[in-house]
Structures are given as C-alpha cells and as structure tokens.
C-alpha cells in the first residue's frame, strides 16, 4: 500500500489523482 498525505489543501489541488507504479528505475516525474 502506498499513501499520499495531503495537508493544507488548496482549491488548485482539485483534480483526479492517480497512483502509478513501475518495476524499474526511470524518470520518476514522467508518466
């Protein structure tokens, strides 16, 4: 299980949030 604790939320945080995983290293910020 992974978690994302979100505090001090702002209206601009509104979105659909997706979790993702990969079994090898790579550019972590690239979907």
ModelCIF file with pLDDT and N, C-alpha, C, O atoms, coordinates in Angstrom:
data_MODEL
#
_entry.id   MODEL 
#
_entity.id                         1 
_entity.type                       polymer 
_entity.pdbx_number_of_molecules   1 
#
_entity_poly.entity_id                      1 
_entity_poly.type                           'polypeptide(L)' 
_entity_poly.nstd_linkage                   no 
_entity_poly.nstd_monomer                   no 
_entity_poly.pdbx_seq_one_letter_code       
;(UNK)(UNK)(UNK)(UNK)(UNK)(UNK)(UNK)(UNK)(UNK)(UNK)(UNK)(UNK)(UNK)(UNK)(UNK)(UNK)
(UNK)(UNK)(UNK)(UNK)(UNK)(UNK)(UNK)(UNK)(UNK)(UNK)(UNK)(UNK)(UNK)(UNK)(UNK)
;
_entity_poly.pdbx_seq_one_letter_code_can   XXXXXXXXXXXXXXXXXXXXXXXXXXXXXXX 
_entity_poly.pdbx_strand_id                 A 
#
loop_
_entity_poly_seq.entity_id 
_entity_poly_seq.num 
_entity_poly_seq.mon_id 
_entity_poly_seq.hetero 
1 1  UNK n 
1 2  UNK n 
1 3  UNK n 
1 4  UNK n 
1 5  UNK n 
1 6  UNK n 
1 7  UNK n 
1 8  UNK n 
1 9  UNK n 
1 10 UNK n 
1 11 UNK n 
1 12 UNK n 
1 13 UNK n 
1 14 UNK n 
1 15 UNK n 
1 16 UNK n 
1 17 UNK n 
1 18 UNK n 
1 19 UNK n 
1 20 UNK n 
1 21 UNK n 
1 22 UNK n 
1 23 UNK n 
1 24 UNK n 
1 25 UNK n 
1 26 UNK n 
1 27 UNK n 
1 28 UNK n 
1 29 UNK n 
1 30 UNK n 
1 31 UNK n 
#
_struct_asym.id          A 
_struct_asym.entity_id   1 
#
loop_
_ma_qa_metric.id 
_ma_qa_metric.mode 
_ma_qa_metric.name 
_ma_qa_metric.software_group_id 
_ma_qa_metric.type 
1 global pLDDT . pLDDT 
2 local  pLDDT . pLDDT 
#
_ma_qa_metric_global.metric_id      1 
_ma_qa_metric_global.metric_value   94.90 
_ma_qa_metric_global.model_id       1 
_ma_qa_metric_global.ordinal_id     1 
#
loop_
_ma_qa_metric_local.label_asym_id 
_ma_qa_metric_local.label_comp_id 
_ma_qa_metric_local.label_seq_id 
_ma_qa_metric_local.metric_id 
_ma_qa_metric_local.metric_value 
_ma_qa_metric_local.model_id 
_ma_qa_metric_local.ordinal_id 
A UNK 1  2 94.00 1 1  
A UNK 2  2 95.00 1 2  
A UNK 3  2 97.00 1 3  
A UNK 4  2 98.00 1 4  
A UNK 5  2 98.00 1 5  
A UNK 6  2 98.00 1 6  
A UNK 7  2 98.00 1 7  
A UNK 8  2 98.00 1 8  
A UNK 9  2 98.00 1 9  
A UNK 10 2 97.00 1 10 
A UNK 11 2 96.00 1 11 
A UNK 12 2 94.00 1 12 
A UNK 13 2 96.00 1 13 
A UNK 14 2 96.00 1 14 
A UNK 15 2 97.00 1 15 
A UNK 16 2 97.00 1 16 
A UNK 17 2 98.00 1 17 
A UNK 18 2 98.00 1 18 
A UNK 19 2 97.00 1 19 
A UNK 20 2 96.00 1 20 
A UNK 21 2 95.00 1 21 
A UNK 22 2 93.00 1 22 
A UNK 23 2 89.00 1 23 
A UNK 24 2 87.00 1 24 
A UNK 25 2 85.00 1 25 
A UNK 26 2 87.00 1 26 
A UNK 27 2 93.00 1 27 
A UNK 28 2 93.00 1 28 
A UNK 29 2 95.00 1 29 
A UNK 30 2 95.00 1 30 
A UNK 31 2 94.00 1 31 
#
loop_
_atom_site.group_PDB 
_atom_site.id 
_atom_site.type_symbol 
_atom_site.label_atom_id 
_atom_site.label_alt_id 
_atom_site.label_comp_id 
_atom_site.label_asym_id 
_atom_site.label_entity_id 
_atom_site.label_seq_id 
_atom_site.pdbx_PDB_ins_code 
_atom_site.Cartn_x 
_atom_site.Cartn_y 
_atom_site.Cartn_z 
_atom_site.occupancy 
_atom_site.B_iso_or_equiv 
_atom_site.pdbx_formal_charge 
_atom_site.auth_seq_id 
_atom_site.auth_comp_id 
_atom_site.auth_asym_id 
_atom_site.auth_atom_id 
_atom_site.pdbx_PDB_model_num 
ATOM 1   N N  . UNK A 1 1  ? 0.826  -1.195 0.000   1.00 94.00 ? 1  UNK A N  1 
ATOM 2   C CA . UNK A 1 1  ? 0.000  0.000  0.000   1.00 94.00 ? 1  UNK A CA 1 
ATOM 3   C C  . UNK A 1 1  ? 0.864  1.249  0.000   1.00 94.00 ? 1  UNK A C  1 
ATOM 4   O O  . UNK A 1 1  ? 1.835  1.348  0.750   1.00 94.00 ? 1  UNK A O  1 
ATOM 5   N N  . UNK A 1 2  ? 0.505  2.189  -0.838  1.00 95.00 ? 2  UNK A N  1 
ATOM 6   C CA . UNK A 1 2  ? 1.130  3.491  -0.854  1.00 95.00 ? 2  UNK A CA 1 
ATOM 7   C C  . UNK A 1 2  ? 0.165  4.538  -0.351  1.00 95.00 ? 2  UNK A C  1 
ATOM 8   O O  . UNK A 1 2  ? -1.051 4.349  -0.379  1.00 95.00 ? 2  UNK A O  1 
ATOM 9   N N  . UNK A 1 3  ? 0.720  5.649  0.113   1.00 97.00 ? 3  UNK A N  1 
ATOM 10  C CA . UNK A 1 3  ? -0.097 6.703  0.697   1.00 97.00 ? 3  UNK A CA 1 
ATOM 11  C C  . UNK A 1 3  ? 0.366  8.059  0.204   1.00 97.00 ? 3  UNK A C  1 
ATOM 12  O O  . UNK A 1 3  ? 1.539  8.269  -0.107  1.00 97.00 ? 3  UNK A O  1 
ATOM 13  N N  . UNK A 1 4  ? -0.575 8.958  0.143   1.00 98.00 ? 4  UNK A N  1 
ATOM 14  C CA . UNK A 1 4  ? -0.276 10.357 -0.092  1.00 98.00 ? 4  UNK A CA 1 
ATOM 15  C C  . UNK A 1 4  ? -1.068 11.169 0.920   1.00 98.00 ? 4  UNK A C  1 
ATOM 16  O O  . UNK A 1 4  ? -2.282 11.327 0.795   1.00 98.00 ? 4  UNK A O  1 
ATOM 17  N N  . UNK A 1 5  ? -0.371 11.678 1.916   1.00 98.00 ? 5  UNK A N  1 
ATOM 18  C CA . UNK A 1 5  ? -0.983 12.536 2.910   1.00 98.00 ? 5  UNK A CA 1 
ATOM 19  C C  . UNK A 1 5  ? -0.977 13.959 2.382   1.00 98.00 ? 5  UNK A C  1 
ATOM 20  O O  . UNK A 1 5  ? 0.079  14.498 2.049   1.00 98.00 ? 5  UNK A O  1 
ATOM 21  N N  . UNK A 1 6  ? -2.138 14.563 2.306   1.00 98.00 ? 6  UNK A N  1 
ATOM 22  C CA . UNK A 1 6  ? -2.285 15.895 1.746   1.00 98.00 ? 6  UNK A CA 1 
ATOM 23  C C  . UNK A 1 6  ? -2.832 16.820 2.819   1.00 98.00 ? 6  UNK A C  1 
ATOM 24  O O  . UNK A 1 6  ? -3.960 16.653 3.282   1.00 98.00 ? 6  UNK A O  1 
ATOM 25  N N  . UNK A 1 7  ? -2.031 17.784 3.206   1.00 98.00 ? 7  UNK A N  1 
ATOM 26  C CA . UNK A 1 7  ? -2.421 18.769 4.196   1.00 98.00 ? 7  UNK A CA 1 
ATOM 27  C C  . UNK A 1 7  ? -2.490 20.149 3.558   1.00 98.00 ? 7  UNK A C  1 
ATOM 28  O O  . UNK A 1 7  ? -1.965 20.378 2.469   1.00 98.00 ? 7  UNK A O  1 
ATOM 29  N N  . UNK A 1 8  ? -3.142 21.052 4.256   1.00 98.00 ? 8  UNK A N  1 
ATOM 30  C CA . UNK A 1 8  ? -3.259 22.436 3.792   1.00 98.00 ? 8  UNK A CA 1 
ATOM 31  C C  . UNK A 1 8  ? -3.720 22.500 2.345   1.00 98.00 ? 8  UNK A C  1 
ATOM 32  O O  . UNK A 1 8  ? -3.133 23.204 1.523   1.00 98.00 ? 8  UNK A O  1 
ATOM 33  N N  . UNK A 1 9  ? -4.759 21.770 2.050   1.00 98.00 ? 9  UNK A N  1 
ATOM 34  C CA . UNK A 1 9  ? -5.227 21.674 0.681   1.00 98.00 ? 9  UNK A CA 1 
ATOM 35  C C  . UNK A 1 9  ? -5.742 23.009 0.169   1.00 98.00 ? 9  UNK A C  1 
ATOM 36  O O  . UNK A 1 9  ? -6.312 23.810 0.910   1.00 98.00 ? 9  UNK A O  1 
ATOM 37  N N  . UNK A 1 10 ? -5.525 23.218 -1.111  1.00 97.00 ? 10 UNK A N  1 
ATOM 38  C CA . UNK A 1 10 ? -5.920 24.435 -1.792  1.00 97.00 ? 10 UNK A CA 1 
ATOM 39  C C  . UNK A 1 10 ? -6.863 24.099 -2.939  1.00 97.00 ? 10 UNK A C  1 
ATOM 40  O O  . UNK A 1 10 ? -6.826 22.984 -3.459  1.00 97.00 ? 10 UNK A O  1 
ATOM 41  N N  . UNK A 1 11 ? -7.699 25.036 -3.337  1.00 96.00 ? 11 UNK A N  1 
ATOM 42  C CA . UNK A 1 11 ? -8.582 24.764 -4.469  1.00 96.00 ? 11 UNK A CA 1 
ATOM 43  C C  . UNK A 1 11 ? -7.842 24.305 -5.720  1.00 96.00 ? 11 UNK A C  1 
ATOM 44  O O  . UNK A 1 11 ? -8.369 23.499 -6.488  1.00 96.00 ? 11 UNK A O  1 
ATOM 45  N N  . UNK A 1 12 ? -6.648 24.799 -5.932  1.00 94.00 ? 12 UNK A N  1 
ATOM 46  C CA . UNK A 1 12 ? -5.887 24.396 -7.101  1.00 94.00 ? 12 UNK A CA 1 
ATOM 47  C C  . UNK A 1 12 ? -5.387 22.959 -7.031  1.00 94.00 ? 12 UNK A C  1 
ATOM 48  O O  . UNK A 1 12 ? -4.852 22.447 -8.014  1.00 94.00 ? 12 UNK A O  1 
ATOM 49  N N  . UNK A 1 13 ? -5.551 22.302 -5.890  1.00 96.00 ? 13 UNK A N  1 
ATOM 50  C CA . UNK A 1 13 ? -5.242 20.883 -5.784  1.00 96.00 ? 13 UNK A CA 1 
ATOM 51  C C  . UNK A 1 13 ? -6.361 20.005 -6.330  1.00 96.00 ? 13 UNK A C  1 
ATOM 52  O O  . UNK A 1 13 ? -6.191 18.793 -6.459  1.00 96.00 ? 13 UNK A O  1 
ATOM 53  N N  . UNK A 1 14 ? -7.484 20.596 -6.645  1.00 96.00 ? 14 UNK A N  1 
ATOM 54  C CA . UNK A 1 14 ? -8.607 19.843 -7.172  1.00 96.00 ? 14 UNK A CA 1 
ATOM 55  C C  . UNK A 1 14 ? -8.215 19.129 -8.461  1.00 96.00 ? 14 UNK A C  1 
ATOM 56  O O  . UNK A 1 14 ? -7.737 19.751 -9.409  1.00 96.00 ? 14 UNK A O  1 
ATOM 57  N N  . UNK A 1 15 ? -8.422 17.829 -8.481  1.00 97.00 ? 15 UNK A N  1 
ATOM 58  C CA . UNK A 1 15 ? -8.049 17.022 -9.637  1.00 97.00 ? 15 UNK A CA 1 
ATOM 59  C C  . UNK A 1 15 ? -8.466 15.589 -9.378  1.00 97.00 ? 15 UNK A C  1 
ATOM 60  O O  . UNK A 1 15 ? -8.872 15.231 -8.272  1.00 97.00 ? 15 UNK A O  1 
ATOM 61  N N  . UNK A 1 16 ? -8.360 14.781 -10.408 1.00 97.00 ? 16 UNK A N  1 
ATOM 62  C CA . UNK A 1 16 ? -8.408 13.346 -10.249 1.00 97.00 ? 16 UNK A CA 1 
ATOM 63  C C  . UNK A 1 16 ? -6.982 12.873 -9.987  1.00 97.00 ? 16 UNK A C  1 
ATOM 64  O O  . UNK A 1 16 ? -6.077 13.147 -10.776 1.00 97.00 ? 16 UNK A O  1 
ATOM 65  N N  . UNK A 1 17 ? -6.789 12.175 -8.897  1.00 98.00 ? 17 UNK A N  1 
ATOM 66  C CA . UNK A 1 17 ? -5.475 11.703 -8.513  1.00 98.00 ? 17 UNK A CA 1 
ATOM 67  C C  . UNK A 1 17 ? -5.313 10.234 -8.866  1.00 98.00 ? 17 UNK A C  1 
ATOM 68  O O  . UNK A 1 17 ? -6.190 9.415  -8.593  1.00 98.00 ? 17 UNK A O  1 
ATOM 69  N N  . UNK A 1 18 ? -4.190 9.914  -9.472  1.00 98.00 ? 18 UNK A N  1 
ATOM 70  C CA . UNK A 1 18 ? -3.879 8.564  -9.896  1.00 98.00 ? 18 UNK A CA 1 
ATOM 71  C C  . UNK A 1 18 ? -2.606 8.086  -9.224  1.00 98.00 ? 18 UNK A C  1 
ATOM 72  O O  . UNK A 1 18 ? -1.628 8.829  -9.140  1.00 98.00 ? 18 UNK A O  1 
ATOM 73  N N  . UNK A 1 19 ? -2.612 6.854  -8.746  1.00 97.00 ? 19 UNK A N  1 
ATOM 74  C CA . UNK A 1 19 ? -1.360 6.247  -8.332  1.00 97.00 ? 19 UNK A CA 1 
ATOM 75  C C  . UNK A 1 19 ? -0.828 5.401  -9.471  1.00 97.00 ? 19 UNK A C  1 
ATOM 76  O O  . UNK A 1 19 ? -1.585 4.896  -10.300 1.00 97.00 ? 19 UNK A O  1 
ATOM 77  N N  . UNK A 1 20 ? 0.465  5.259  -9.498  1.00 96.00 ? 20 UNK A N  1 
ATOM 78  C CA . UNK A 1 20 ? 1.133  4.523  -10.557 1.00 96.00 ? 20 UNK A CA 1 
ATOM 79  C C  . UNK A 1 20 ? 2.347  3.814  -9.980  1.00 96.00 ? 20 UNK A C  1 
ATOM 80  O O  . UNK A 1 20 ? 2.866  4.196  -8.931  1.00 96.00 ? 20 UNK A O  1 
ATOM 81  N N  . UNK A 1 21 ? 2.790  2.786  -10.672 1.00 95.00 ? 21 UNK A N  1 
ATOM 82  C CA . UNK A 1 21 ? 3.935  2.018  -10.205 1.00 95.00 ? 21 UNK A CA 1 
ATOM 83  C C  . UNK A 1 21 ? 4.700  1.462  -11.388 1.00 95.00 ? 21 UNK A C  1 
ATOM 84  O O  . UNK A 1 21 ? 4.161  1.277  -12.479 1.00 95.00 ? 21 UNK A O  1 
ATOM 85  N N  . UNK A 1 22 ? 5.973  1.202  -11.140 1.00 93.00 ? 22 UNK A N  1 
ATOM 86  C CA . UNK A 1 22 ? 6.836  0.620  -12.152 1.00 93.00 ? 22 UNK A CA 1 
ATOM 87  C C  . UNK A 1 22 ? 7.874  -0.241 -11.454 1.00 93.00 ? 22 UNK A C  1 
ATOM 88  O O  . UNK A 1 22 ? 8.269  0.048  -10.325 1.00 93.00 ? 22 UNK A O  1 
ATOM 89  N N  . UNK A 1 23 ? 8.311  -1.286 -12.114 1.00 89.00 ? 23 UNK A N  1 
ATOM 90  C CA . UNK A 1 23 ? 9.229  -2.243 -11.514 1.00 89.00 ? 23 UNK A CA 1 
ATOM 91  C C  . UNK A 1 23 ? 10.692 -1.973 -11.839 1.00 89.00 ? 23 UNK A C  1 
ATOM 92  O O  . UNK A 1 23 ? 11.546 -2.821 -11.579 1.00 89.00 ? 23 UNK A O  1 
ATOM 93  N N  . UNK A 1 24 ? 10.988 -0.837 -12.389 1.00 87.00 ? 24 UNK A N  1 
ATOM 94  C CA . UNK A 1 24 ? 12.351 -0.480 -12.752 1.00 87.00 ? 24 UNK A CA 1 
ATOM 95  C C  . UNK A 1 24 ? 12.547 1.009  -12.534 1.00 87.00 ? 24 UNK A C  1 
ATOM 96  O O  . UNK A 1 24 ? 11.577 1.767  -12.547 1.00 87.00 ? 24 UNK A O  1 
ATOM 97  N N  . UNK A 1 25 ? 13.776 1.438  -12.336 1.00 85.00 ? 25 UNK A N  1 
ATOM 98  C CA . UNK A 1 25 ? 14.003 2.878  -12.186 1.00 85.00 ? 25 UNK A CA 1 
ATOM 99  C C  . UNK A 1 25 ? 13.833 3.595  -13.510 1.00 85.00 ? 25 UNK A C  1 
ATOM 100 O O  . UNK A 1 25 ? 13.967 2.999  -14.579 1.00 85.00 ? 25 UNK A O  1 
ATOM 101 N N  . UNK A 1 26 ? 13.544 4.850  -13.425 1.00 87.00 ? 26 UNK A N  1 
ATOM 102 C CA . UNK A 1 26 ? 13.355 5.679  -14.589 1.00 87.00 ? 26 UNK A CA 1 
ATOM 103 C C  . UNK A 1 26 ? 13.034 7.100  -14.175 1.00 87.00 ? 26 UNK A C  1 
ATOM 104 O O  . UNK A 1 26 ? 13.056 7.424  -12.987 1.00 87.00 ? 26 UNK A O  1 
ATOM 105 N N  . UNK A 1 27 ? 12.736 7.954  -15.147 1.00 93.00 ? 27 UNK A N  1 
ATOM 106 C CA . UNK A 1 27 ? 12.375 9.337  -14.816 1.00 93.00 ? 27 UNK A CA 1 
ATOM 107 C C  . UNK A 1 27 ? 11.072 9.377  -14.027 1.00 93.00 ? 27 UNK A C  1 
ATOM 108 O O  . UNK A 1 27 ? 9.990  9.199  -14.587 1.00 93.00 ? 27 UNK A O  1 
ATOM 109 N N  . UNK A 1 28 ? 11.181 9.606  -12.757 1.00 93.00 ? 28 UNK A N  1 
ATOM 110 C CA . UNK A 1 28 ? 10.045 9.455  -11.851 1.00 93.00 ? 28 UNK A CA 1 
ATOM 111 C C  . UNK A 1 28 ? 8.934  10.455 -12.099 1.00 93.00 ? 28 UNK A C  1 
ATOM 112 O O  . UNK A 1 28 ? 7.781  10.195 -11.756 1.00 93.00 ? 28 UNK A O  1 
ATOM 113 N N  . UNK A 1 29 ? 9.257  11.590 -12.688 1.00 95.00 ? 29 UNK A N  1 
ATOM 114 C CA . UNK A 1 29 ? 8.253  12.620 -12.899 1.00 95.00 ? 29 UNK A CA 1 
ATOM 115 C C  . UNK A 1 29 ? 7.549  12.510 -14.249 1.00 95.00 ? 29 UNK A C  1 
ATOM 116 O O  . UNK A 1 29 ? 6.671  13.316 -14.556 1.00 95.00 ? 29 UNK A O  1 
ATOM 117 N N  . UNK A 1 30 ? 7.917  11.546 -15.037 1.00 95.00 ? 30 UNK A N  1 
ATOM 118 C CA . UNK A 1 30 ? 7.356  11.358 -16.369 1.00 95.00 ? 30 UNK A CA 1 
ATOM 119 C C  . UNK A 1 30 ? 6.337  10.227 -16.318 1.00 95.00 ? 30 UNK A C  1 
ATOM 120 O O  . UNK A 1 30 ? 6.682  9.093  -15.984 1.00 95.00 ? 30 UNK A O  1 
ATOM 121 N N  . UNK A 1 31 ? 5.098  10.527 -16.644 1.00 94.00 ? 31 UNK A N  1 
ATOM 122 C CA . UNK A 1 31 ? 4.060  9.497  -16.580 1.00 94.00 ? 31 UNK A CA 1 
ATOM 123 C C  . UNK A 1 31 ? 4.352  8.335  -17.511 1.00 94.00 ? 31 UNK A C  1 
ATOM 124 O O  . UNK A 1 31 ? 3.573  7.384  -17.575 1.00 94.00 ? 31 UNK A O  1 
#
